[in-house]
Amino acid sequence: MKLTPKILLEEHFMHPDFVDYWATTAPNISPDLFGKARTALEDFGPMRLDAMDGIGAEKAVLSLAGPGVQAEKRTETAVRLARQVNDFLAAEMAKRPDSYGGFAHLAMQDPVAAADELDRCVAQLGMQGAMINGQTGGTYLDDDRYAPFWERASHLKVPVYIHPNNPPEQVHMYNGHPELWGPVWSWTVETATHALRLVFAGTFDRYPGAKLVLGHLGECLPYLMWRLDSRWEISNRGAMHLEKDPSAYFRDNIWVTTSGMCADAPLRCALEMIGEDRVLFSVDYPFEQAAEAGEWIEQAPLTDSERAKVCHENARALLTL
């Protein structure tokens, strides 16, 4: 079978100096997977490239496995280390420019520094956007302090990918259920809520050119489009105002990837609710199996045109590859 060409957007790596930050997520996954993942994360050679070749992936946009410097308490240290890891990634991209792209890693503790570093990564290092690992110190991207960041990202016309992170504190409803804390459930709720904060705060009204990417087929949000519009009409929203229905921002400013979601019904839901130009294939390597994701998307109930868009055409358009 001839494989459809693919571009991947949620594919992670690790730098030795950042393992301690990543280790804070260890309670979220099994110890066996954590150990195996580190080996794969640190490989930029045959292991990763063979996994890509096996599914017809022509390019992977790499990102540091989170939370990275967003977990650093000292802002100056976070800014310095973000620059360090971006230089490291750029060096790996330069070795295999046909195979690897990159999302900038940013110290969101300092929004102006983050904007400047995004500019450097895009203009000088050839990266395609940024990946933000959820909240930073309990602050979300709808906060007014991030205006310089959104202005710069909009000016550069590059996407901002929100990757899951733990909430700033554990919610009482999860007590006694550690399995719900992390990728099984809490990351979905946290990331979906983060995206909705941006929508309802009017971020996309202020920055109509802003581009947001969510993984896991939109963190359940495509399924909720009708209800978001319906309940927004009767919500107790005070002085809050939007120029469009909530669902319109998903069709104008938001893209979703298939990372970590190999299921036909959610895929069809995303395509039908936010549009076939808004869905992009990804794996979430190495936390998901490339072979499984690749086999699934080749057999998913898509037209040839839809499959081409999801697998590579939409990514080329979004990332201007």
Protein backbone atom coordinates (compact mmCIF):
# COMPACT_ATOMS: atom_id res chain seq x y z
CA MET A 1 0.00 0.00 0.00
CA LYS A 2 1.31 3.43 -0.93
CA LEU A 3 1.49 5.62 2.15
CA THR A 4 0.02 9.10 2.21
CA PRO A 5 2.75 11.71 2.86
CA LYS A 6 2.57 13.03 6.41
CA ILE A 7 3.72 16.00 8.46
CA LEU A 8 3.74 15.60 12.25
CA LEU A 9 3.18 18.43 14.73
CA GLU A 10 3.26 16.98 18.27
CA GLU A 11 6.51 15.07 18.41
CA HIS A 12 8.74 15.51 21.42
CA PHE A 13 12.42 15.47 22.33
CA MET A 14 14.48 15.89 25.49
CA HIS A 15 17.65 17.78 26.37
CA PRO A 16 19.71 16.29 29.25
CA ASP A 17 19.56 19.56 31.23
CA PHE A 18 15.75 19.53 31.21
CA VAL A 19 15.05 16.02 32.49
CA ASP A 20 14.33 17.25 36.03
CA TYR A 21 11.53 19.49 34.76
CA TRP A 22 10.06 16.65 32.75
CA ALA A 23 10.35 14.31 35.75
CA THR A 24 7.64 16.32 37.50
CA THR A 25 5.19 14.61 35.13
CA ALA A 26 6.38 11.10 36.11
CA PRO A 27 3.42 10.48 38.47
CA ASN A 28 1.10 10.91 35.47
CA ILE A 29 2.35 7.85 33.54
CA SER A 30 3.58 4.33 34.27
CA PRO A 31 7.24 4.00 35.35
CA ASP A 32 7.87 1.56 32.49
CA LEU A 33 6.68 4.03 29.85
CA PHE A 34 8.57 6.88 31.50
CA GLY A 35 11.87 5.01 31.21
CA LYS A 36 11.32 3.93 27.62
CA ALA A 37 10.18 7.38 26.61
CA ARG A 38 13.37 9.05 27.80
CA THR A 39 15.50 6.90 25.49
CA ALA A 40 13.30 7.74 22.52
CA LEU A 41 13.08 11.42 23.43
CA GLU A 42 16.85 11.84 23.39
CA ASP A 43 17.26 10.14 19.99
CA PHE A 44 17.34 12.22 16.82
CA GLY A 45 18.71 9.42 14.66
CA PRO A 46 17.61 5.97 13.49
CA MET A 47 14.99 5.27 16.17
CA ARG A 48 13.00 8.41 15.45
CA LEU A 49 13.66 8.48 11.71
CA ASP A 50 12.69 4.83 11.27
CA ALA A 51 9.41 5.46 13.08
CA MET A 52 8.73 8.36 10.72
CA ASP A 53 9.70 6.44 7.60
CA GLY A 54 7.45 3.55 8.60
CA ILE A 55 4.34 5.73 8.32
CA GLY A 56 5.38 7.96 5.44
CA ALA A 57 6.15 11.00 7.60
CA GLU A 58 8.25 13.45 5.64
CA LYS A 59 8.71 16.00 8.41
CA ALA A 60 8.25 16.19 12.19
CA VAL A 61 7.95 19.52 13.98
CA LEU A 62 9.78 18.77 17.23
CA SER A 63 9.08 20.25 20.66
CA LEU A 64 10.63 19.85 24.09
CA ALA A 65 8.67 17.47 26.33
CA GLY A 66 7.03 19.69 28.94
CA PRO A 67 6.70 21.43 31.21
CA GLY A 68 10.26 22.61 30.65
CA VAL A 69 11.21 26.07 31.85
CA GLN A 70 7.59 26.98 32.54
CA ALA A 71 8.13 25.09 35.81
CA GLU A 72 11.24 27.14 36.69
CA LYS A 73 10.78 29.48 39.68
CA ARG A 74 13.51 31.93 38.63
CA THR A 75 12.49 33.98 35.62
CA GLU A 76 16.01 34.88 34.52
CA THR A 77 17.00 31.21 34.60
CA ALA A 78 13.91 30.26 32.60
CA VAL A 79 14.69 32.84 29.92
CA ARG A 80 18.31 31.69 29.65
CA LEU A 81 17.46 27.99 29.49
CA ALA A 82 14.73 28.51 26.90
CA ARG A 83 17.28 30.12 24.61
CA GLN A 84 19.69 27.25 25.29
CA VAL A 85 17.25 24.51 24.36
CA ASN A 86 16.07 26.37 21.26
CA ASP A 87 19.66 26.62 20.06
CA PHE A 88 20.01 22.89 20.74
CA LEU A 89 16.91 22.07 18.70
CA ALA A 90 18.00 24.37 15.88
CA ALA A 91 21.29 22.48 15.66
CA GLU A 92 19.42 19.18 15.29
CA MET A 93 17.13 20.72 12.67
CA ALA A 94 20.17 21.90 10.72
CA LYS A 95 21.53 18.34 10.57
CA ARG A 96 18.33 17.07 8.93
CA PRO A 97 16.41 20.07 7.57
CA ASP A 98 14.20 17.91 5.36
CA SER A 99 13.09 15.78 8.32
CA TYR A 100 12.87 18.14 11.30
CA GLY A 101 11.18 21.42 12.04
CA GLY A 102 10.68 22.93 15.45
CA PHE A 103 8.35 24.70 17.86
CA ALA A 104 10.05 27.26 20.09
CA HIS A 105 10.23 26.60 23.83
CA LEU A 106 9.46 29.80 25.72
CA ALA A 107 9.77 31.21 29.23
CA MET A 108 6.23 32.50 29.66
CA GLN A 109 7.15 33.96 33.05
CA ASP A 110 8.36 36.98 31.04
CA PRO A 111 5.93 37.65 28.18
CA VAL A 112 8.14 40.23 26.47
CA ALA A 113 11.16 37.93 26.60
CA ALA A 114 8.95 35.10 25.30
CA ALA A 115 7.83 37.28 22.39
CA ASP A 116 11.42 38.21 21.59
CA GLU A 117 12.56 34.59 21.75
CA LEU A 118 9.69 33.49 19.50
CA ASP A 119 10.78 36.14 17.02
CA ARG A 120 14.37 34.90 17.14
CA CYS A 121 13.35 31.27 16.75
CA VAL A 122 11.17 31.98 13.73
CA ALA A 123 13.28 34.62 11.98
CA GLN A 124 16.77 33.29 12.73
CA LEU A 125 16.42 29.60 13.61
CA GLY A 126 13.74 28.62 11.10
CA MET A 127 11.13 27.36 13.56
CA GLN A 128 7.45 27.15 12.73
CA GLY A 129 5.80 28.53 15.88
CA ALA A 130 5.72 27.81 19.60
CA MET A 131 4.51 25.10 21.92
CA ILE A 132 3.25 26.32 25.29
CA ASN A 133 2.83 23.75 28.05
CA GLY A 134 -0.38 24.99 29.62
CA GLN A 135 -0.40 27.36 32.57
CA THR A 136 2.69 29.05 33.94
CA GLY A 137 2.60 29.67 37.68
CA GLY A 138 -1.18 29.50 37.61
CA THR A 139 -1.44 32.10 34.82
CA TYR A 140 -3.15 31.34 31.51
CA LEU A 141 -2.60 32.84 28.08
CA ASP A 142 -5.76 34.97 28.23
CA ASP A 143 -4.16 37.12 30.93
CA ASP A 144 -3.54 40.73 29.87
CA ARG A 145 0.16 40.36 30.61
CA TYR A 146 0.47 38.19 27.50
CA ALA A 147 -0.58 40.96 25.11
CA PRO A 148 3.02 41.45 23.84
CA PHE A 149 3.26 37.73 23.15
CA TRP A 150 0.02 37.55 21.17
CA GLU A 151 0.92 40.70 19.25
CA ARG A 152 4.21 39.15 18.18
CA ALA A 153 2.77 35.74 17.34
CA SER A 154 0.08 37.40 15.23
CA HIS A 155 2.64 39.60 13.49
CA LEU A 156 4.81 36.57 12.71
CA LYS A 157 1.72 34.63 11.52
CA VAL A 158 2.83 31.48 13.33
CA PRO A 159 0.75 29.06 15.41
CA VAL A 160 0.82 28.64 19.17
CA TYR A 161 0.29 25.02 20.19
CA ILE A 162 -1.08 24.52 23.71
CA HIS A 163 0.17 21.24 25.12
CA PRO A 164 -1.37 19.79 28.29
CA ASN A 165 0.09 20.50 31.70
CA ASN A 166 -1.09 19.77 35.20
CA PRO A 167 -3.35 22.38 36.80
CA PRO A 168 -1.62 24.64 39.35
CA GLU A 169 -3.19 22.64 42.16
CA GLN A 170 -5.01 19.33 42.40
CA VAL A 171 -8.76 19.74 42.36
CA HIS A 172 -10.69 18.10 45.21
CA MET A 173 -12.87 16.06 42.85
CA TYR A 174 -9.79 14.03 41.83
CA ASN A 175 -8.97 12.99 45.40
CA GLY A 176 -8.69 9.22 45.69
CA HIS A 177 -8.50 8.81 41.91
CA PRO A 178 -4.88 9.26 40.81
CA GLU A 179 -5.70 7.65 37.46
CA LEU A 180 -7.76 10.73 36.55
CA TRP A 181 -4.81 13.06 37.17
CA GLY A 182 -2.90 13.44 33.93
CA PRO A 183 -3.49 12.12 30.42
CA VAL A 184 -6.55 10.00 31.27
CA TRP A 185 -8.68 13.02 32.11
CA SER A 186 -7.36 16.11 33.94
CA TRP A 187 -5.09 17.20 31.08
CA THR A 188 -8.07 17.23 28.73
CA VAL A 189 -10.16 19.36 31.08
CA GLU A 190 -7.27 21.70 31.82
CA THR A 191 -6.32 22.25 28.18
CA ALA A 192 -9.88 22.58 26.91
CA THR A 193 -10.58 25.15 29.62
CA HIS A 194 -7.41 27.03 28.70
CA ALA A 195 -8.59 27.27 25.09
CA LEU A 196 -12.07 28.39 26.14
CA ARG A 197 -10.56 31.09 28.35
CA LEU A 198 -8.87 32.48 25.24
CA VAL A 199 -12.12 32.37 23.26
CA PHE A 200 -14.32 33.99 25.91
CA ALA A 201 -11.71 36.56 26.93
CA GLY A 202 -11.93 37.96 23.41
CA THR A 203 -8.32 37.11 22.57
CA PHE A 204 -9.21 36.31 18.98
CA ASP A 205 -11.22 39.51 18.63
CA ARG A 206 -8.17 41.52 19.69
CA TYR A 207 -5.80 39.40 17.59
CA PRO A 208 -7.88 38.10 14.66
CA GLY A 209 -4.77 36.72 12.99
CA ALA A 210 -3.79 34.59 15.99
CA LYS A 211 -3.45 30.87 15.35
CA LEU A 212 -4.01 28.30 18.10
CA VAL A 213 -3.43 24.54 17.88
CA LEU A 214 -4.85 21.91 20.23
CA GLY A 215 -3.93 18.24 20.29
CA HIS A 216 -6.04 15.14 20.93
CA LEU A 217 -8.58 16.18 18.29
CA GLY A 218 -9.41 19.36 20.15
CA GLU A 219 -9.64 18.07 23.73
CA CYS A 220 -13.35 17.13 23.27
CA LEU A 221 -14.29 20.67 22.22
CA PRO A 222 -15.47 19.93 18.64
CA TYR A 223 -18.16 17.70 20.17
CA LEU A 224 -19.41 20.68 22.20
CA MET A 225 -19.66 23.33 19.46
CA TRP A 226 -23.45 23.52 19.35
CA ARG A 227 -23.78 23.62 23.12
CA LEU A 228 -21.11 26.29 23.54
CA ASP A 229 -23.06 28.57 21.20
CA SER A 230 -26.42 27.72 22.75
CA ARG A 231 -25.39 28.17 26.39
CA TRP A 232 -23.33 31.28 25.63
CA GLU A 233 -26.59 32.97 24.63
CA ILE A 234 -28.08 32.48 28.10
CA SER A 235 -24.92 32.64 30.22
CA ASN A 236 -24.49 35.07 33.10
CA ARG A 237 -21.63 36.85 31.34
CA GLY A 238 -21.86 40.37 32.69
CA ALA A 239 -20.06 42.83 30.43
CA MET A 240 -18.27 40.09 28.48
CA HIS A 241 -18.75 40.48 24.72
CA LEU A 242 -17.73 38.46 21.68
CA GLU A 243 -17.94 39.60 18.08
CA LYS A 244 -18.92 36.10 16.91
CA ASP A 245 -20.44 32.88 18.20
CA PRO A 246 -17.92 30.82 20.20
CA SER A 247 -17.85 28.10 17.54
CA ALA A 248 -16.79 30.61 14.88
CA TYR A 249 -13.40 31.07 16.53
CA PHE A 250 -12.73 27.36 16.15
CA ARG A 251 -13.31 27.69 12.42
CA ASP A 252 -11.29 30.91 12.10
CA ASN A 253 -8.45 30.73 14.66
CA ILE A 254 -8.10 27.17 15.96
CA TRP A 255 -6.67 23.98 14.48
CA VAL A 256 -6.65 20.51 16.04
CA THR A 257 -4.31 17.57 15.62
CA THR A 258 -4.97 13.86 15.94
CA SER A 259 -2.15 13.38 18.48
CA GLY A 260 -3.00 10.56 20.85
CA MET A 261 -6.44 9.99 19.28
CA CYS A 262 -6.76 7.10 16.84
CA ALA A 263 -10.55 6.83 16.64
CA ASP A 264 -12.83 7.34 13.66
CA ALA A 265 -15.86 8.97 15.31
CA PRO A 266 -13.96 11.83 17.02
CA LEU A 267 -12.09 12.44 13.75
CA ARG A 268 -15.31 12.71 11.77
CA CYS A 269 -16.78 14.95 14.47
CA ALA A 270 -13.83 17.35 14.26
CA LEU A 271 -13.98 17.44 10.47
CA GLU A 272 -17.70 18.14 10.44
CA MET A 273 -17.78 20.64 13.32
CA ILE A 274 -14.72 22.80 12.64
CA GLY A 275 -13.89 21.97 9.03
CA GLU A 276 -11.64 19.73 6.95
CA ASP A 277 -9.01 22.49 6.69
CA ARG A 278 -8.60 22.58 10.49
CA VAL A 279 -7.59 18.99 11.28
CA LEU A 280 -3.98 17.80 11.10
CA PHE A 281 -2.35 14.42 11.64
CA SER A 282 0.12 13.95 14.50
CA VAL A 283 1.40 11.08 16.65
CA ASP A 284 2.54 12.43 20.07
CA TYR A 285 5.81 10.53 19.76
CA PRO A 286 7.15 8.77 21.78
CA PHE A 287 4.19 8.59 24.15
CA GLU A 288 2.06 7.10 21.37
CA GLN A 289 3.03 4.52 18.76
CA ALA A 290 3.76 5.94 15.32
CA ALA A 291 2.88 2.65 13.62
CA GLU A 292 -0.54 2.54 15.28
CA ALA A 293 -1.34 6.15 14.40
CA GLY A 294 -0.10 5.75 10.84
CA GLU A 295 -2.07 2.58 10.19
CA TRP A 296 -5.21 4.15 11.63
CA ILE A 297 -5.14 7.32 9.53
CA GLU A 298 -4.55 5.33 6.34
CA GLN A 299 -7.70 3.28 7.03
CA ALA A 300 -9.87 5.99 8.60
CA PRO A 301 -13.18 6.77 6.82
CA LEU A 302 -11.90 9.72 4.79
CA THR A 303 -12.12 10.69 1.17
CA ASP A 304 -8.81 10.86 -0.67
CA SER A 305 -9.04 14.65 -0.54
CA GLU A 306 -9.73 14.68 3.20
CA ARG A 307 -6.89 12.26 3.90
CA ALA A 308 -4.43 14.40 1.97
CA LYS A 309 -5.55 17.51 3.83
CA VAL A 310 -5.33 15.90 7.26
CA CYS A 311 -2.03 14.15 6.62
CA HIS A 312 -0.02 16.95 5.05
CA GLU A 313 -1.81 19.68 3.10
CA ASN A 314 -3.28 21.47 6.12
CA ALA A 315 0.07 21.40 7.90
CA ARG A 316 1.84 22.87 4.88
CA ALA A 317 -0.69 25.70 4.78
CA LEU A 318 -0.61 26.39 8.53
CA LEU A 319 3.17 26.23 8.87
CA THR A 320 3.89 27.74 5.41
CA LEU A 321 6.20 24.84 4.57
